[in-house]
Protein backbone atom coordinates (compact mmCIF):
# COMPACT_ATOMS: atom_id res chain seq x y z
CA UNK A 1 -18.68 -9.15 81.18
CA UNK A 2 -18.88 -12.30 82.47
CA UNK A 3 -17.82 -13.31 85.96
CA UNK A 4 -16.45 -16.95 87.08
CA UNK A 5 -18.82 -17.83 90.80
CA UNK A 6 -17.30 -20.84 93.34
CA UNK A 7 -18.20 -21.97 96.41
CA UNK A 8 -22.11 -21.97 95.71
CA UNK A 9 -24.48 -23.54 98.31
CA UNK A 10 -26.44 -26.50 96.88
CA UNK A 11 -29.89 -24.79 97.49
CA UNK A 12 -28.99 -21.35 95.66
CA UNK A 13 -30.52 -21.56 91.58
CA UNK A 14 -30.14 -19.18 89.12
CA UNK A 15 -32.75 -16.72 89.97
CA UNK A 16 -31.77 -16.73 93.52
CA UNK A 17 -27.83 -16.13 91.92
CA UNK A 18 -29.35 -13.62 89.48
CA UNK A 19 -31.68 -11.31 92.33
CA UNK A 20 -27.81 -11.66 94.40
CA UNK A 21 -26.51 -9.32 92.20
CA UNK A 22 -28.96 -7.34 90.22
CA UNK A 23 -28.48 -5.25 93.12
CA UNK A 24 -24.97 -4.26 91.22
CA UNK A 25 -26.36 -3.70 87.80
CA UNK A 26 -27.88 -5.46 84.71
CA UNK A 27 -26.87 -8.75 84.70
CA UNK A 28 -27.33 -9.99 80.95
CA UNK A 29 -27.69 -14.00 81.92
CA UNK A 30 -26.75 -16.68 85.25
CA UNK A 31 -26.23 -20.00 85.06
CA UNK A 32 -25.43 -23.13 87.34
CA UNK A 33 -23.15 -25.60 86.15
CA UNK A 34 -25.21 -29.55 87.40
CA UNK A 35 -23.91 -32.67 87.50
CA UNK A 36 -25.47 -34.35 83.78
CA UNK A 37 -26.48 -37.13 86.57
CA UNK A 38 -28.00 -35.92 89.54
CA UNK A 39 -29.02 -33.04 88.70
CA UNK A 40 -27.46 -30.91 91.24
CA UNK A 41 -25.24 -27.89 91.38
CA UNK A 42 -21.73 -28.63 91.06
CA UNK A 43 -21.05 -25.37 93.13
CA UNK A 44 -19.98 -22.98 90.37
CA UNK A 45 -21.14 -21.07 88.10
CA UNK A 46 -21.89 -17.50 85.57
CA UNK A 47 -23.10 -14.34 86.09
CA UNK A 48 -23.07 -11.94 83.13
CA UNK A 49 -23.16 -8.43 83.28
CA UNK A 50 -24.87 -5.96 80.43
CA UNK A 51 -21.57 -3.03 82.14
CA UNK A 52 -17.77 -3.81 83.00
CA UNK A 53 -18.20 -1.48 85.48
CA UNK A 54 -21.18 -3.36 86.93
CA UNK A 55 -19.49 -6.05 87.32
CA UNK A 56 -16.51 -4.94 88.78
CA UNK A 57 -18.71 -3.59 91.32
CA UNK A 58 -20.35 -6.79 92.38
CA UNK A 59 -16.97 -9.10 92.01
CA UNK A 60 -15.57 -6.40 94.55
CA UNK A 61 -18.59 -6.64 96.87
CA UNK A 62 -19.00 -9.54 96.98
CA UNK A 63 -16.17 -11.48 96.85
CA UNK A 64 -15.39 -13.17 100.17
CA UNK A 65 -18.64 -12.60 101.19
CA UNK A 66 -21.08 -15.21 102.95
CA UNK A 67 -23.95 -16.88 101.56
CA UNK A 68 -25.93 -19.79 103.72
CA UNK A 69 -22.81 -20.56 105.14
CA UNK A 70 -20.32 -20.65 102.16
CA UNK A 71 -17.82 -17.83 101.33
CA UNK A 72 -18.69 -16.66 97.61
CA UNK A 73 -15.52 -16.98 95.00
CA UNK A 74 -16.04 -14.12 92.58
CA UNK A 75 -13.34 -13.65 89.56
CA UNK A 76 -13.39 -12.58 85.91
CA UNK A 77 -14.46 -15.52 83.87
CA UNK A 78 -11.54 -16.45 81.67
CA UNK A 79 -12.49 -17.77 78.36
CA UNK A 80 -11.83 -21.64 77.28
CA UNK A 81 -9.88 -22.30 74.50
């Protein structure tokens, strides 16, 4: 299951994001989206879990949690068409 994470502080990289989420289960991948020109974080990204129940637990625990002065928004990712 893939989660969409918004309001990520710009100093947080993919390794730190994985570290934060892996306490809830096996993380398959993390991706922070960067601006194509400036390479600065756009403040959102994705975390993919091996098990849906681990993703749901992470979403429940981390949604609204303050990390480095910003409250994370964690929801289920929706595939674009």
